[in-house]
Amino acid sequence: TSKKEAEKSIRNAREFLVGQQLSVGKYYLKRNNPMAAMRRLKKIKSSTKESTFLPEVSYRLIESLILVGLFPEAISEYGYMKKKFPNSSWAREASALIKKSGLD
């Protein structure tokens, strides 16, 4: 079982790190720096295969793309999100954001 415990610890550590990276992205959004947020969120997305944070990463990425006026990319990310996380509350939030931004 020590191998299983070690694997679980590694998974938990990775999850924690993804959460920390997401927090940095959200900090940039709060500080009105959507470009920095977008770079951070894209990095998380490209380097993370699975995490409970990925739906929120996707949502925050849509948010930052809209803020910098990259509407086709925001719509594309929303399409990815609907396919990948159809039952996520973040997908519902993203739908509302897309509508509110007049992109639907």
C-alpha atoms as a PDB file:
ATOM      1  CA  THR A   1       0.000   0.000   0.000  1.00  0.00           C
ATOM      2  CA  SER A   2       2.934   2.395   0.378  1.00  0.00           C
ATOM      3  CA  LYS A   3       3.154   2.661  -3.420  1.00  0.00           C
ATOM      4  CA  LYS A   4      -0.549   3.521  -3.560  1.00  0.00           C
ATOM      5  CA  GLU A   5      -0.106   6.080  -0.781  1.00  0.00           C
ATOM      6  CA  ALA A   6       2.824   7.644  -2.610  1.00  0.00           C
ATOM      7  CA  GLU A   7       0.823   7.847  -5.844  1.00  0.00           C
ATOM      8  CA  LYS A   8      -2.057   9.455  -3.951  1.00  0.00           C
ATOM      9  CA  SER A   9       0.324  11.970  -2.374  1.00  0.00           C
ATOM     10  CA  ILE A  10       1.737  12.838  -5.798  1.00  0.00           C
ATOM     11  CA  ARG A  11      -1.785  13.310  -7.209  1.00  0.00           C
ATOM     12  CA  ASN A  12      -2.714  15.520  -4.258  1.00  0.00           C
ATOM     13  CA  ALA A  13       0.454  17.585  -4.659  1.00  0.00           C
ATOM     14  CA  ARG A  14      -0.188  18.065  -8.387  1.00  0.00           C
ATOM     15  CA  GLU A  15      -3.778  19.071  -7.667  1.00  0.00           C
ATOM     16  CA  PHE A  16      -2.560  21.571  -5.075  1.00  0.00           C
ATOM     17  CA  LEU A  17      -0.080  23.076  -7.544  1.00  0.00           C
ATOM     18  CA  VAL A  18      -2.770  23.435 -10.230  1.00  0.00           C
ATOM     19  CA  GLY A  19      -4.918  25.219  -7.644  1.00  0.00           C
ATOM     20  CA  GLN A  20      -2.036  27.552  -6.814  1.00  0.00           C
ATOM     21  CA  GLN A  21      -1.422  28.336 -10.489  1.00  0.00           C
ATOM     22  CA  LEU A  22      -5.139  29.026 -10.942  1.00  0.00           C
ATOM     23  CA  SER A  23      -5.016  31.402  -7.957  1.00  0.00           C
ATOM     24  CA  VAL A  24      -2.213  33.333  -9.684  1.00  0.00           C
ATOM     25  CA  GLY A  25      -4.325  33.563 -12.861  1.00  0.00           C
ATOM     26  CA  LYS A  26      -7.301  34.834 -10.851  1.00  0.00           C
ATOM     27  CA  TYR A  27      -5.039  37.349  -9.105  1.00  0.00           C
ATOM     28  CA  TYR A  28      -3.987  38.721 -12.508  1.00  0.00           C
ATOM     29  CA  LEU A  29      -7.652  38.987 -13.554  1.00  0.00           C
ATOM     30  CA  LYS A  30      -8.482  40.861 -10.339  1.00  0.00           C
ATOM     31  CA  ARG A  31      -5.547  43.191 -10.944  1.00  0.00           C
ATOM     32  CA  ASN A  32      -6.881  43.943 -14.433  1.00  0.00           C
ATOM     33  CA  ASN A  33      -4.072  42.121 -16.241  1.00  0.00           C
ATOM     34  CA  PRO A  34      -5.973  39.699 -18.510  1.00  0.00           C
ATOM     35  CA  MET A  35      -2.938  39.056 -20.757  1.00  0.00           C
ATOM     36  CA  ALA A  36      -0.897  37.704 -17.847  1.00  0.00           C
ATOM     37  CA  ALA A  37      -3.908  35.712 -16.658  1.00  0.00           C
ATOM     38  CA  MET A  38      -4.409  34.262 -20.132  1.00  0.00           C
ATOM     39  CA  ARG A  39      -0.761  33.181 -20.390  1.00  0.00           C
ATOM     40  CA  ARG A  40      -0.935  31.505 -16.975  1.00  0.00           C
ATOM     41  CA  LEU A  41      -4.245  29.764 -17.694  1.00  0.00           C
ATOM     42  CA  LYS A  42      -3.098  28.500 -21.109  1.00  0.00           C
ATOM     43  CA  LYS A  43       0.035  27.119 -19.455  1.00  0.00           C
ATOM     44  CA  ILE A  44      -2.069  25.259 -16.865  1.00  0.00           C
ATOM     45  CA  LYS A  45      -4.318  23.894 -19.606  1.00  0.00           C
ATOM     46  CA  SER A  46      -1.433  22.666 -21.754  1.00  0.00           C
ATOM     47  CA  SER A  47       0.481  21.078 -18.884  1.00  0.00           C
ATOM     48  CA  THR A  48      -2.374  19.479 -16.915  1.00  0.00           C
ATOM     49  CA  LYS A  49      -4.035  16.284 -18.072  1.00  0.00           C
ATOM     50  CA  GLU A  50      -6.543  15.948 -15.287  1.00  0.00           C
ATOM     51  CA  SER A  51      -7.585  18.113 -12.380  1.00  0.00           C
ATOM     52  CA  THR A  52     -10.777  19.125 -10.674  1.00  0.00           C
ATOM     53  CA  PHE A  53      -9.689  22.717 -11.380  1.00  0.00           C
ATOM     54  CA  LEU A  54      -9.740  22.390 -15.192  1.00  0.00           C
ATOM     55  CA  PRO A  55     -13.374  23.519 -15.660  1.00  0.00           C
ATOM     56  CA  GLU A  56     -12.617  26.727 -13.734  1.00  0.00           C
ATOM     57  CA  VAL A  57      -9.345  27.174 -15.643  1.00  0.00           C
ATOM     58  CA  SER A  58     -11.377  27.011 -18.847  1.00  0.00           C
ATOM     59  CA  TYR A  59     -13.926  29.521 -17.517  1.00  0.00           C
ATOM     60  CA  ARG A  60     -11.226  31.977 -16.405  1.00  0.00           C
ATOM     61  CA  LEU A  61      -9.551  31.595 -19.785  1.00  0.00           C
ATOM     62  CA  ILE A  62     -12.841  32.517 -21.513  1.00  0.00           C
ATOM     63  CA  GLU A  63     -13.134  35.485 -19.157  1.00  0.00           C
ATOM     64  CA  SER A  64      -9.615  36.741 -19.965  1.00  0.00           C
ATOM     65  CA  LEU A  65     -10.063  36.172 -23.730  1.00  0.00           C
ATOM     66  CA  ILE A  66     -13.237  38.280 -23.679  1.00  0.00           C
ATOM     67  CA  LEU A  67     -11.483  41.024 -21.712  1.00  0.00           C
ATOM     68  CA  VAL A  68      -8.745  41.354 -24.339  1.00  0.00           C
ATOM     69  CA  GLY A  69     -11.246  41.136 -27.209  1.00  0.00           C
ATOM     70  CA  LEU A  70     -10.277  37.692 -28.536  1.00  0.00           C
ATOM     71  CA  PHE A  71     -13.905  36.718 -29.102  1.00  0.00           C
ATOM     72  CA  PRO A  72     -13.403  33.837 -31.586  1.00  0.00           C
ATOM     73  CA  GLU A  73     -10.934  32.238 -29.159  1.00  0.00           C
ATOM     74  CA  ALA A  74     -13.377  32.726 -26.279  1.00  0.00           C
ATOM     75  CA  ILE A  75     -16.142  31.032 -28.280  1.00  0.00           C
ATOM     76  CA  SER A  76     -13.762  28.236 -29.259  1.00  0.00           C
ATOM     77  CA  GLU A  77     -12.753  27.687 -25.617  1.00  0.00           C
ATOM     78  CA  TYR A  78     -16.440  27.621 -24.676  1.00  0.00           C
ATOM     79  CA  GLY A  79     -17.038  24.915 -27.299  1.00  0.00           C
ATOM     80  CA  TYR A  80     -14.153  22.908 -25.840  1.00  0.00           C
ATOM     81  CA  MET A  81     -15.568  23.402 -22.354  1.00  0.00           C
ATOM     82  CA  LYS A  82     -19.084  22.247 -23.336  1.00  0.00           C
ATOM     83  CA  LYS A  83     -17.617  19.088 -24.830  1.00  0.00           C
ATOM     84  CA  LYS A  84     -15.114  18.362 -22.058  1.00  0.00           C
ATOM     85  CA  PHE A  85     -17.099  19.445 -18.960  1.00  0.00           C
ATOM     86  CA  PRO A  86     -20.775  19.428 -20.030  1.00  0.00           C
ATOM     87  CA  ASN A  87     -22.168  19.006 -16.501  1.00  0.00           C
ATOM     88  CA  SER A  88     -19.883  21.481 -14.767  1.00  0.00           C
ATOM     89  CA  SER A  89     -21.327  24.517 -13.032  1.00  0.00           C
ATOM     90  CA  TRP A  90     -18.448  26.404 -14.693  1.00  0.00           C
ATOM     91  CA  ALA A  91     -19.876  25.521 -18.115  1.00  0.00           C
ATOM     92  CA  ARG A  92     -23.179  27.077 -17.059  1.00  0.00           C
ATOM     93  CA  GLU A  93     -21.307  30.159 -15.810  1.00  0.00           C
ATOM     94  CA  ALA A  94     -19.429  30.339 -19.120  1.00  0.00           C
ATOM     95  CA  SER A  95     -22.712  30.141 -21.036  1.00  0.00           C
ATOM     96  CA  ALA A  96     -24.032  33.114 -19.053  1.00  0.00           C
ATOM     97  CA  LEU A  97     -20.778  35.033 -19.634  1.00  0.00           C
ATOM     98  CA  ILE A  98     -20.877  34.361 -23.381  1.00  0.00           C
ATOM     99  CA  LYS A  99     -24.517  35.557 -23.503  1.00  0.00           C
ATOM    100  CA  LYS A 100     -23.793  38.614 -21.359  1.00  0.00           C
ATOM    101  CA  SER A 101     -20.915  39.523 -23.697  1.00  0.00           C
ATOM    102  CA  GLY A 102     -23.238  39.238 -26.710  1.00  0.00           C
ATOM    103  CA  LEU A 103     -21.212  36.407 -28.272  1.00  0.00           C
ATOM    104  CA  ASP A 104     -23.958  33.783 -28.484  1.00  0.00           C
END
